[in-house]
Amino acid sequence: MLASQPSGGAAHKARKAMTDILPRPHLAVFSQDEKRKALMKEIAFRREVFARRVLRKQMTPHEAKYQIAIFEAILEDYKS
């Protein structure tokens, strides 16, 4: 654990604070349009990040294209 991370009771309080702020996943209901927009944003983000990783040789171009293709396939499910 990093020195800057809370431990013990402080960690529990920090997690509790976050769960009180964030919606419960099982209670959240998202429309098809919200899901589609989130996927489009994620794909754009991944394109930027993966391009940098390819330039730094941290990822192959094939791997980057494959990972993006997965999200594009999921996006197609929400477009129909």
N, C-alpha and C. Protein backbone atom coordinates (compact mmCIF):
# COMPACT_ATOMS: atom_id res chain seq x y z
N MET A 1 0.85 -1.18 0.00
CA MET A 1 0.00 0.00 0.00
C MET A 1 0.89 1.24 0.00
N LEU A 2 0.49 2.23 -0.74
CA LEU A 2 1.25 3.47 -0.78
C LEU A 2 1.02 4.27 0.48
N ALA A 3 2.00 5.07 0.83
CA ALA A 3 1.89 5.89 2.04
C ALA A 3 0.73 6.87 1.94
N SER A 4 0.40 7.31 0.72
CA SER A 4 -0.67 8.29 0.56
C SER A 4 -2.06 7.66 0.62
N GLN A 5 -2.14 6.33 0.58
CA GLN A 5 -3.44 5.67 0.64
C GLN A 5 -3.88 5.49 2.08
N PRO A 6 -5.15 5.74 2.34
CA PRO A 6 -5.63 5.55 3.70
C PRO A 6 -5.64 4.07 4.06
N SER A 7 -5.46 3.77 5.33
CA SER A 7 -5.48 2.37 5.76
C SER A 7 -6.46 2.22 6.91
N GLY A 8 -6.84 0.98 7.17
CA GLY A 8 -7.71 0.69 8.29
C GLY A 8 -9.03 1.42 8.21
N GLY A 9 -9.40 2.07 9.32
CA GLY A 9 -10.68 2.77 9.40
C GLY A 9 -10.81 3.89 8.39
N ALA A 10 -9.70 4.57 8.11
CA ALA A 10 -9.74 5.67 7.14
C ALA A 10 -10.06 5.14 5.75
N ALA A 11 -9.52 3.97 5.40
CA ALA A 11 -9.80 3.37 4.09
C ALA A 11 -11.27 3.02 3.99
N HIS A 12 -11.82 2.46 5.05
CA HIS A 12 -13.24 2.10 5.05
C HIS A 12 -14.11 3.34 4.88
N LYS A 13 -13.78 4.41 5.59
CA LYS A 13 -14.54 5.65 5.48
C LYS A 13 -14.46 6.24 4.07
N ALA A 14 -13.26 6.15 3.45
CA ALA A 14 -13.08 6.67 2.09
C ALA A 14 -13.94 5.87 1.11
N ARG A 15 -13.93 4.53 1.24
CA ARG A 15 -14.75 3.69 0.35
C ARG A 15 -16.23 3.98 0.56
N LYS A 16 -16.64 4.13 1.81
CA LYS A 16 -18.04 4.41 2.11
C LYS A 16 -18.46 5.75 1.51
N ALA A 17 -17.59 6.74 1.60
CA ALA A 17 -17.89 8.05 1.03
C ALA A 17 -18.10 7.94 -0.48
N MET A 18 -17.26 7.16 -1.15
CA MET A 18 -17.39 6.99 -2.60
C MET A 18 -18.67 6.25 -2.96
N THR A 19 -19.03 5.23 -2.19
CA THR A 19 -20.25 4.50 -2.51
C THR A 19 -21.49 5.34 -2.25
N ASP A 20 -21.40 6.30 -1.33
CA ASP A 20 -22.52 7.19 -1.08
C ASP A 20 -22.68 8.19 -2.22
N ILE A 21 -21.57 8.55 -2.88
CA ILE A 21 -21.59 9.52 -3.97
C ILE A 21 -22.01 8.86 -5.27
N LEU A 22 -21.42 7.70 -5.58
CA LEU A 22 -21.65 7.03 -6.85
C LEU A 22 -22.95 6.23 -6.81
N PRO A 23 -23.67 6.18 -7.94
CA PRO A 23 -24.91 5.40 -7.96
C PRO A 23 -24.59 3.90 -7.84
N ARG A 24 -25.46 3.17 -7.26
CA ARG A 24 -25.29 1.73 -7.15
C ARG A 24 -25.48 1.12 -8.54
N PRO A 25 -24.52 0.32 -9.03
CA PRO A 25 -24.63 -0.25 -10.38
C PRO A 25 -25.92 -1.01 -10.60
N HIS A 26 -26.38 -1.74 -9.60
CA HIS A 26 -27.60 -2.52 -9.80
C HIS A 26 -28.86 -1.66 -9.79
N LEU A 27 -28.75 -0.41 -9.38
CA LEU A 27 -29.90 0.48 -9.39
C LEU A 27 -29.89 1.44 -10.58
N ALA A 28 -28.73 1.59 -11.22
CA ALA A 28 -28.60 2.52 -12.33
C ALA A 28 -29.23 1.92 -13.59
N VAL A 29 -30.01 2.73 -14.27
CA VAL A 29 -30.62 2.31 -15.53
C VAL A 29 -30.21 3.34 -16.57
N PHE A 30 -29.58 2.84 -17.64
CA PHE A 30 -29.11 3.73 -18.68
C PHE A 30 -29.85 3.43 -19.98
N SER A 31 -30.15 4.47 -20.72
CA SER A 31 -30.83 4.30 -22.00
C SER A 31 -29.84 3.79 -23.04
N GLN A 32 -30.37 3.29 -24.12
CA GLN A 32 -29.53 2.83 -25.22
C GLN A 32 -28.66 3.98 -25.74
N ASP A 33 -29.25 5.18 -25.81
CA ASP A 33 -28.52 6.34 -26.29
C ASP A 33 -27.37 6.71 -25.35
N GLU A 34 -27.60 6.63 -24.04
CA GLU A 34 -26.53 6.92 -23.07
C GLU A 34 -25.39 5.91 -23.20
N LYS A 35 -25.74 4.65 -23.39
CA LYS A 35 -24.73 3.61 -23.56
C LYS A 35 -23.94 3.84 -24.84
N ARG A 36 -24.65 4.20 -25.92
CA ARG A 36 -23.99 4.44 -27.20
C ARG A 36 -23.01 5.61 -27.09
N LYS A 37 -23.45 6.70 -26.46
CA LYS A 37 -22.58 7.87 -26.30
C LYS A 37 -21.36 7.55 -25.44
N ALA A 38 -21.55 6.76 -24.39
CA ALA A 38 -20.43 6.38 -23.52
C ALA A 38 -19.43 5.53 -24.30
N LEU A 39 -19.91 4.63 -25.13
CA LEU A 39 -19.01 3.80 -25.93
C LEU A 39 -18.26 4.64 -26.96
N MET A 40 -18.93 5.60 -27.57
CA MET A 40 -18.25 6.47 -28.54
C MET A 40 -17.14 7.26 -27.85
N LYS A 41 -17.41 7.74 -26.66
CA LYS A 41 -16.40 8.48 -25.90
C LYS A 41 -15.23 7.57 -25.53
N GLU A 42 -15.54 6.36 -25.12
CA GLU A 42 -14.50 5.38 -24.75
C GLU A 42 -13.62 5.03 -25.96
N ILE A 43 -14.25 4.85 -27.11
CA ILE A 43 -13.49 4.52 -28.33
C ILE A 43 -12.55 5.67 -28.68
N ALA A 44 -13.04 6.89 -28.62
CA ALA A 44 -12.19 8.05 -28.92
C ALA A 44 -11.02 8.13 -27.95
N PHE A 45 -11.29 7.89 -26.67
CA PHE A 45 -10.23 7.90 -25.66
C PHE A 45 -9.20 6.82 -25.95
N ARG A 46 -9.66 5.61 -26.24
CA ARG A 46 -8.74 4.52 -26.52
C ARG A 46 -7.89 4.79 -27.76
N ARG A 47 -8.47 5.40 -28.78
CA ARG A 47 -7.69 5.73 -29.98
C ARG A 47 -6.52 6.65 -29.64
N GLU A 48 -6.77 7.64 -28.81
CA GLU A 48 -5.71 8.56 -28.40
C GLU A 48 -4.64 7.85 -27.57
N VAL A 49 -5.08 7.13 -26.57
CA VAL A 49 -4.15 6.45 -25.67
C VAL A 49 -3.36 5.37 -26.39
N PHE A 50 -4.05 4.56 -27.19
CA PHE A 50 -3.37 3.46 -27.88
C PHE A 50 -2.37 3.98 -28.91
N ALA A 51 -2.68 5.12 -29.54
CA ALA A 51 -1.73 5.70 -30.50
C ALA A 51 -0.42 6.05 -29.79
N ARG A 52 -0.52 6.63 -28.61
CA ARG A 52 0.68 6.94 -27.83
C ARG A 52 1.42 5.66 -27.43
N ARG A 53 0.68 4.65 -27.02
CA ARG A 53 1.31 3.39 -26.61
C ARG A 53 2.02 2.72 -27.78
N VAL A 54 1.45 2.79 -28.96
CA VAL A 54 2.10 2.22 -30.15
C VAL A 54 3.39 2.97 -30.44
N LEU A 55 3.34 4.30 -30.37
CA LEU A 55 4.55 5.09 -30.61
C LEU A 55 5.65 4.77 -29.61
N ARG A 56 5.28 4.49 -28.37
CA ARG A 56 6.26 4.17 -27.32
C ARG A 56 6.65 2.69 -27.32
N LYS A 57 6.09 1.93 -28.27
CA LYS A 57 6.36 0.49 -28.36
C LYS A 57 5.84 -0.28 -27.15
N GLN A 58 4.82 0.26 -26.50
CA GLN A 58 4.19 -0.42 -25.36
C GLN A 58 3.04 -1.31 -25.82
N MET A 59 2.68 -1.16 -27.10
CA MET A 59 1.56 -1.91 -27.66
C MET A 59 1.81 -2.04 -29.16
N THR A 60 1.43 -3.16 -29.73
CA THR A 60 1.60 -3.33 -31.18
C THR A 60 0.41 -2.68 -31.89
N PRO A 61 0.61 -2.27 -33.14
CA PRO A 61 -0.53 -1.70 -33.89
C PRO A 61 -1.68 -2.70 -34.00
N HIS A 62 -1.35 -3.98 -34.18
CA HIS A 62 -2.39 -5.00 -34.29
C HIS A 62 -3.20 -5.09 -33.00
N GLU A 63 -2.53 -5.08 -31.86
CA GLU A 63 -3.21 -5.15 -30.57
C GLU A 63 -4.12 -3.94 -30.37
N ALA A 64 -3.65 -2.76 -30.74
CA ALA A 64 -4.45 -1.54 -30.60
C ALA A 64 -5.71 -1.62 -31.46
N LYS A 65 -5.54 -2.03 -32.71
CA LYS A 65 -6.69 -2.15 -33.61
C LYS A 65 -7.68 -3.19 -33.11
N TYR A 66 -7.17 -4.30 -32.59
CA TYR A 66 -8.03 -5.36 -32.07
C TYR A 66 -8.85 -4.87 -30.88
N GLN A 67 -8.20 -4.19 -29.94
CA GLN A 67 -8.91 -3.69 -28.76
C GLN A 67 -9.99 -2.67 -29.14
N ILE A 68 -9.68 -1.81 -30.08
CA ILE A 68 -10.67 -0.81 -30.53
C ILE A 68 -11.80 -1.49 -31.28
N ALA A 69 -11.48 -2.51 -32.06
CA ALA A 69 -12.51 -3.24 -32.82
C ALA A 69 -13.53 -3.90 -31.90
N ILE A 70 -13.09 -4.36 -30.75
CA ILE A 70 -14.01 -4.96 -29.79
C ILE A 70 -15.06 -3.94 -29.37
N PHE A 71 -14.63 -2.74 -29.03
CA PHE A 71 -15.57 -1.71 -28.59
C PHE A 71 -16.45 -1.23 -29.75
N GLU A 72 -15.90 -1.20 -30.96
CA GLU A 72 -16.70 -0.82 -32.12
C GLU A 72 -17.79 -1.86 -32.38
N ALA A 73 -17.48 -3.14 -32.15
CA ALA A 73 -18.48 -4.20 -32.32
C ALA A 73 -19.58 -4.06 -31.28
N ILE A 74 -19.22 -3.73 -30.05
CA ILE A 74 -20.21 -3.52 -29.00
C ILE A 74 -21.09 -2.31 -29.36
N LEU A 75 -20.46 -1.26 -29.87
CA LEU A 75 -21.21 -0.06 -30.28
C LEU A 75 -22.24 -0.40 -31.34
N GLU A 76 -21.88 -1.26 -32.27
CA GLU A 76 -22.83 -1.67 -33.33
C GLU A 76 -24.08 -2.32 -32.72
N ASP A 77 -23.90 -3.05 -31.62
CA ASP A 77 -25.05 -3.67 -30.97
C ASP A 77 -26.04 -2.62 -30.45
N TYR A 78 -25.53 -1.46 -30.04
CA TYR A 78 -26.39 -0.42 -29.52
C TYR A 78 -26.97 0.48 -30.61
N LYS A 79 -26.44 0.40 -31.81
CA LYS A 79 -26.95 1.21 -32.91
C LYS A 79 -28.17 0.56 -33.55
N SER A 80 -28.30 -0.75 -33.40
CA SER A 80 -29.44 -1.43 -34.05
C SER A 80 -30.67 -1.49 -33.19
